[in-house]
Every structure is written in structure tokens, then in C-alpha cells.
Amino acid sequence: MEELEKYVILAGLGKDYHRMFQLWYSFFSGYGLDKMLIVITFDNESEALVRSLGIRVHPAGKQIIQLSDIFVERLSVIREYLEQGFHVIHTDLDAFWFSRSVVELANPAFDLQISKGGGHPRAAVEKWGFSLCCGFFILHSNSSTLDFTRTWVDETIKLRDDQTALNELLLRDPPGWHEGPHEGHIGTCRGYNLSLQAFSTQIISRGQNKDIRIERDKLRVFHPYLPAKDEESKRAEAIHRLAEEITG
């Protein structure tokens, strides 16, 4: 991978996710990567929390009224960093890092590297056998990703969901997925001039398939499905899943 100085790690934080952020950060903080981390905050309370930990903050530039506003603003901020020449590692705050070597997944031979999902949107799963999950992805700064993220933002505004928008765009220009050397899939979208890597579910696991045991020596990120609606219940689910499938 290229020098780490060219990469930033971006996460988003809203006021109803503070305790989940603290749980996520309890893992992340042990890897010596704080200088790379920038948290996009969507309210004053979140900004104050992040600053209190000495972490860099990027306050949202637009008022957040509904969830789709977060998706659009987050992508817009990601594009800002791409424009500045930074490569972006994006992580949700329920995508728990289990190794400093997560950053070593970054490979500039690909424009977009992304985790897999198994349920949303269904059209992608039916076509490819998996969907692309926006809980963890890496975008490398170049003309192709700058052009594509502009289209991705526009589609997210229309569909009100960044993950649906991404999968829908790529379904229109099928990547021709084939298995890569490390159990994931690689593909090319000619219309968008994008080289893609979808990570193996052994490397970035959602843990949804109980028939496939997570191999801890391969696991880098665990991003469990958390169906609860409120933060406290989500956090309790996350702690349970972490203990059950990873640390137990």
C-alpha cells in the first residue's frame, strides 16, 4: 500500500450513537492510528465528545434533519478528502476493528475496496450472490473515484440511501465479478472506469451465516447485524455478538 500519510480514516457520529462510538473506540484506540482518524460529527454534542478525546473533527456543513441527510453529507465529506488527494478508509461505528493491519487492506491497484453484505439490496444479492456494504470501504483518490462519487452522491439524494445507491449504480454497469486470490471478488466497471474489490467475508465479517465459522486469524473487521432500533439496545446486541462470536 502507499504511505499511510496519504490515507485518512473517516467515521460519522450523531447524537444518538455516543455510547456505541465509545465501544468502537475502545477497540480502535489500541492500534496507534488516532492520527489518521477524523470523525464527521452531525451535532454539537458529538463534536464536543470527539474533541474531548483529542480526535480530529470534521463538523457537518449542512443541517441534518433525517437519516438520508447523513448519508449524503458523509459521502460529500469523503469526496472533499478525495479532492485533496487523500485516500479514504471509511468505517461505520459498529464495524469493530480487530487488528491494526486493517489499514494494510488498502491496495491502490483498486479504486474501490468494500465489504460484502448478504441482504440489502436484494437485487444485488440475487444477481451476484452478495451485496456491497457501505459499513466499511476504501476509496483511492483519482479521477475515476472523483467522477464516480459525484454520481454516487446524486443517486443517494434520489434514493435516500447510500448503499442502495451504490449497488443500483453498479447493477447498471455489471462489474463481471470473479473470485480473487484472497477469497474475495474483483471486478471492473467499464462505464465508470472503476476497478473493484469486494472483501472476503472471512476478512470483514457480518457474522450472519451461522454455518460459516469466523476464522479469527483472518478476521480484521467484525460488523455484526444489529436489528435493534435504539442505541442502548444496539450496543447491548453488539457486546453480546462480540462476546459470542469473537472474544468468547
Protein backbone atom coordinates (compact mmCIF):
# COMPACT_ATOMS: atom_id res chain seq x y z
CA MET A 1 0.00 0.00 0.00
CA GLU A 2 1.01 3.63 -0.34
CA GLU A 3 2.35 5.63 2.59
CA LEU A 4 -0.10 5.89 5.47
CA GLU A 5 0.27 9.68 5.42
CA LYS A 6 -1.84 9.65 2.26
CA TYR A 7 -4.76 7.94 4.00
CA VAL A 8 -7.44 9.17 6.37
CA ILE A 9 -9.90 7.06 8.34
CA LEU A 10 -13.36 8.64 8.35
CA ALA A 11 -16.29 7.76 10.60
CA GLY A 12 -19.58 9.57 11.23
CA LEU A 13 -21.12 10.29 14.64
CA GLY A 14 -24.56 11.57 15.56
CA LYS A 15 -26.04 12.39 18.95
CA ASP A 16 -27.79 9.03 19.39
CA TYR A 17 -24.64 6.97 18.88
CA HIS A 18 -22.24 8.18 21.57
CA ARG A 19 -22.04 5.01 23.65
CA MET A 20 -21.59 2.89 20.53
CA PHE A 21 -18.76 5.20 19.48
CA GLN A 22 -17.10 4.71 22.86
CA LEU A 23 -17.40 0.93 22.47
CA TRP A 24 -15.96 1.09 18.93
CA TYR A 25 -13.15 3.38 20.06
CA SER A 26 -12.22 1.02 22.90
CA PHE A 27 -11.04 -1.37 20.16
CA PHE A 28 -9.64 1.16 17.70
CA SER A 29 -7.66 3.21 20.21
CA GLY A 30 -5.21 0.39 20.86
CA TYR A 31 -3.76 0.38 17.35
CA GLY A 32 -1.90 3.69 17.27
CA LEU A 33 -3.97 5.04 14.37
CA ASP A 34 -5.55 8.08 16.03
CA LYS A 35 -3.57 10.50 13.84
CA MET A 36 -5.35 9.06 10.80
CA LEU A 37 -8.85 9.21 12.32
CA ILE A 38 -11.29 12.02 11.52
CA VAL A 39 -14.84 11.88 12.85
CA ILE A 40 -17.59 13.61 10.92
CA THR A 41 -19.97 14.99 13.55
CA PHE A 42 -23.59 15.89 12.94
CA ASP A 43 -24.36 17.89 16.10
CA ASN A 44 -22.61 19.98 18.77
CA GLU A 45 -22.72 17.29 21.46
CA SER A 46 -20.97 14.78 19.22
CA GLU A 47 -18.34 17.33 18.27
CA ALA A 48 -17.65 18.07 21.95
CA LEU A 49 -17.31 14.37 22.77
CA VAL A 50 -14.83 13.71 19.97
CA ARG A 51 -12.77 16.80 20.76
CA SER A 52 -12.60 15.73 24.42
CA LEU A 53 -10.77 12.60 23.28
CA GLY A 54 -8.27 14.59 21.24
CA ILE A 55 -9.57 13.20 17.96
CA ARG A 56 -9.83 15.35 14.84
CA VAL A 57 -13.35 16.51 13.98
CA HIS A 58 -15.00 17.46 10.72
CA PRO A 59 -18.33 19.10 11.63
CA ALA A 60 -21.09 18.53 9.09
CA GLY A 61 -21.55 21.54 6.86
CA LYS A 62 -25.29 21.05 6.41
CA GLN A 63 -28.20 20.71 8.79
CA ILE A 64 -29.16 17.10 9.43
CA ILE A 65 -32.90 16.51 9.54
CA GLN A 66 -33.26 12.86 8.56
CA LEU A 67 -31.07 9.77 8.12
CA SER A 68 -30.69 10.26 4.39
CA ASP A 69 -29.08 13.65 5.07
CA ILE A 70 -26.31 11.84 6.96
CA PHE A 71 -25.68 9.50 4.03
CA VAL A 72 -25.41 12.41 1.59
CA GLU A 73 -23.28 14.60 3.87
CA ARG A 74 -20.93 11.73 4.72
CA LEU A 75 -20.33 10.97 1.04
CA SER A 76 -19.83 14.66 0.32
CA VAL A 77 -17.17 14.90 3.03
CA ILE A 78 -15.48 11.77 1.74
CA ARG A 79 -15.34 13.37 -1.68
CA GLU A 80 -13.77 16.52 -0.17
CA TYR A 81 -10.86 14.45 1.13
CA LEU A 82 -10.50 12.66 -2.20
CA GLU A 83 -10.29 16.06 -3.88
CA GLN A 84 -7.46 16.96 -1.51
CA GLY A 85 -5.54 13.87 -2.64
CA PHE A 86 -6.24 11.71 0.41
CA HIS A 87 -7.27 8.09 0.13
CA VAL A 88 -10.24 7.40 2.40
CA ILE A 89 -10.86 4.41 4.65
CA HIS A 90 -14.48 4.69 5.74
CA THR A 91 -15.80 2.77 8.74
CA ASP A 92 -19.15 2.62 10.47
CA LEU A 93 -19.02 2.76 14.26
CA ASP A 94 -20.45 -0.74 14.56
CA ALA A 95 -17.73 -2.14 12.30
CA PHE A 96 -15.27 -3.16 15.03
CA TRP A 97 -11.58 -3.30 14.16
CA PHE A 98 -9.66 -6.33 15.45
CA SER A 99 -6.22 -5.53 14.14
CA ARG A 100 -4.02 -2.59 13.22
CA SER A 101 -3.48 -4.45 9.96
CA VAL A 102 -6.91 -3.26 8.77
CA VAL A 103 -5.04 -0.38 7.13
CA GLU A 104 -2.92 -2.90 5.25
CA LEU A 105 -6.01 -3.96 3.31
CA ALA A 106 -5.70 -0.73 1.34
CA ASN A 107 -4.46 -1.52 -2.15
CA PRO A 108 -4.21 1.34 -4.69
CA ALA A 109 -4.46 -1.19 -7.50
CA PHE A 110 -8.21 -0.89 -6.82
CA ASP A 111 -10.28 2.26 -6.96
CA LEU A 112 -12.93 0.97 -4.55
CA GLN A 113 -12.49 -1.80 -1.98
CA ILE A 114 -15.57 -2.69 0.02
CA SER A 115 -17.12 -5.20 2.40
CA LYS A 116 -19.91 -7.60 1.47
CA GLY A 117 -23.44 -7.81 2.80
CA GLY A 118 -25.99 -10.54 2.38
CA GLY A 119 -29.37 -8.89 2.40
CA HIS A 120 -29.60 -5.29 1.19
CA PRO A 121 -30.42 -4.55 -1.53
CA ARG A 122 -31.95 -7.85 -2.63
CA ALA A 123 -31.44 -7.15 -6.34
CA ALA A 124 -27.66 -7.24 -5.86
CA VAL A 125 -27.78 -10.43 -3.80
CA GLU A 126 -29.92 -12.13 -6.43
CA LYS A 127 -27.56 -11.02 -9.21
CA TRP A 128 -24.15 -11.52 -7.58
CA GLY A 129 -24.77 -13.68 -4.50
CA PHE A 130 -23.87 -10.73 -2.24
CA SER A 131 -24.39 -7.00 -1.98
CA LEU A 132 -21.81 -4.29 -1.35
CA CYS A 133 -21.92 -3.00 2.22
CA CYS A 134 -21.09 0.62 2.99
CA GLY A 135 -20.16 -0.18 6.59
CA PHE A 136 -16.52 -0.45 5.51
CA PHE A 137 -14.93 0.66 2.27
CA ILE A 138 -11.74 2.22 0.90
CA LEU A 139 -11.71 4.79 -1.90
CA HIS A 140 -8.46 5.78 -3.58
CA SER A 141 -8.16 9.34 -4.79
CA ASN A 142 -8.03 9.54 -8.57
CA SER A 143 -10.07 10.92 -11.46
CA SER A 144 -12.28 7.82 -11.63
CA THR A 145 -13.31 7.90 -7.98
CA LEU A 146 -13.87 11.65 -8.08
CA ASP A 147 -16.21 11.26 -11.05
CA PHE A 148 -17.96 8.27 -9.53
CA THR A 149 -18.53 9.77 -6.08
CA ARG A 150 -20.24 12.76 -7.68
CA THR A 151 -22.66 10.35 -9.36
CA TRP A 152 -22.96 8.34 -6.13
CA VAL A 153 -23.94 11.45 -4.15
CA ASP A 154 -26.59 12.37 -6.73
CA GLU A 155 -28.03 8.85 -6.66
CA THR A 156 -28.05 8.84 -2.86
CA ILE A 157 -30.03 12.09 -2.84
CA LYS A 158 -32.56 10.42 -5.15
CA LEU A 159 -32.76 7.01 -3.39
CA ARG A 160 -32.15 8.33 0.16
CA ASP A 161 -29.70 5.51 0.96
CA ASP A 162 -26.01 5.35 0.06
CA GLN A 163 -25.82 1.55 0.00
CA THR A 164 -28.87 1.17 -2.23
CA ALA A 165 -27.48 3.88 -4.49
CA LEU A 166 -24.06 2.23 -4.82
CA ASN A 167 -25.44 -1.20 -5.62
CA GLU A 168 -28.01 0.18 -8.06
CA LEU A 169 -25.33 2.11 -9.95
CA LEU A 170 -23.12 -0.94 -10.26
CA LEU A 171 -26.02 -3.19 -11.26
CA ARG A 172 -26.43 -0.91 -14.28
CA ASP A 173 -22.77 -1.43 -15.22
CA PRO A 174 -22.11 -5.02 -14.04
CA PRO A 175 -18.56 -5.47 -12.70
CA GLY A 176 -18.23 -9.04 -14.00
CA TRP A 177 -17.20 -10.33 -10.59
CA HIS A 178 -14.75 -13.20 -10.34
CA GLU A 179 -13.03 -14.73 -7.36
CA GLY A 180 -9.79 -13.05 -6.35
CA PRO A 181 -6.65 -14.56 -4.81
CA HIS A 182 -7.76 -13.97 -1.21
CA GLU A 183 -11.29 -15.43 -1.28
CA GLY A 184 -12.93 -12.13 -2.16
CA HIS A 185 -14.17 -10.95 -5.55
CA ILE A 186 -12.73 -8.48 -8.01
CA GLY A 187 -14.40 -6.77 -10.93
CA THR A 188 -14.29 -3.85 -13.34
CA CYS A 189 -16.98 -1.33 -14.23
CA ARG A 190 -16.05 -0.08 -17.66
CA GLY A 191 -18.63 2.70 -17.74
CA TYR A 192 -17.32 4.22 -14.52
CA ASN A 193 -13.72 3.15 -15.18
CA LEU A 194 -13.57 1.55 -11.75
CA SER A 195 -11.51 -1.37 -10.53
CA LEU A 196 -13.28 -3.05 -7.60
CA GLN A 197 -12.50 -5.45 -4.79
CA ALA A 198 -15.22 -6.96 -2.57
CA PHE A 199 -13.52 -8.30 0.55
CA SER A 200 -13.89 -11.88 1.69
CA THR A 201 -16.43 -12.33 4.48
CA GLN A 202 -13.66 -14.02 6.43
CA ILE A 203 -11.71 -10.73 6.44
CA ILE A 204 -14.64 -8.40 7.07
CA SER A 205 -17.45 -10.42 8.61
CA ARG A 206 -21.06 -9.55 9.27
CA GLY A 207 -21.41 -12.88 11.06
CA GLN A 208 -24.83 -13.54 9.60
CA ASN A 209 -24.18 -17.08 8.41
CA LYS A 210 -24.01 -19.43 11.38
CA ASP A 211 -22.84 -22.26 9.10
CA ILE A 212 -19.57 -20.45 8.41
CA ARG A 213 -17.31 -20.15 11.41
CA ILE A 214 -15.27 -16.96 11.62
CA GLU A 215 -11.57 -17.75 11.36
CA ARG A 216 -10.03 -15.40 13.88
CA ASP A 217 -6.59 -15.47 12.29
CA LYS A 218 -8.10 -13.95 9.12
CA LEU A 219 -10.62 -11.58 10.69
CA ARG A 220 -9.83 -7.86 10.50
CA VAL A 221 -13.24 -6.21 11.00
CA PHE A 222 -16.41 -7.56 12.61
CA HIS A 223 -19.56 -5.70 11.55
CA PRO A 224 -22.48 -7.58 13.10
CA TYR A 225 -26.09 -7.13 12.06
CA LEU A 226 -27.78 -5.22 14.89
CA PRO A 227 -31.55 -5.14 14.29
CA ALA A 228 -32.43 -3.13 17.42
CA LYS A 229 -33.70 0.40 16.81
CA ASP A 230 -32.46 2.36 19.83
CA GLU A 231 -28.79 2.90 20.66
CA GLU A 232 -28.74 1.20 24.06
CA SER A 233 -30.28 -1.97 22.64
CA LYS A 234 -27.90 -1.88 19.66
CA ARG A 235 -24.94 -1.52 22.00
CA ALA A 236 -26.16 -4.45 24.11
CA GLU A 237 -26.56 -6.55 20.97
CA ALA A 238 -23.06 -5.57 19.82
CA ILE A 239 -21.50 -6.55 23.15
CA HIS A 240 -23.32 -9.88 23.04
CA ARG A 241 -22.25 -10.60 19.46
CA LEU A 242 -18.66 -9.62 20.18
CA ALA A 243 -18.53 -11.95 23.18
CA GLU A 244 -20.35 -14.78 21.41
CA GLU A 245 -18.57 -14.85 18.08
CA ILE A 246 -15.20 -13.18 18.59
CA THR A 247 -13.86 -12.94 22.10
CA GLY A 248 -15.81 -15.82 23.69
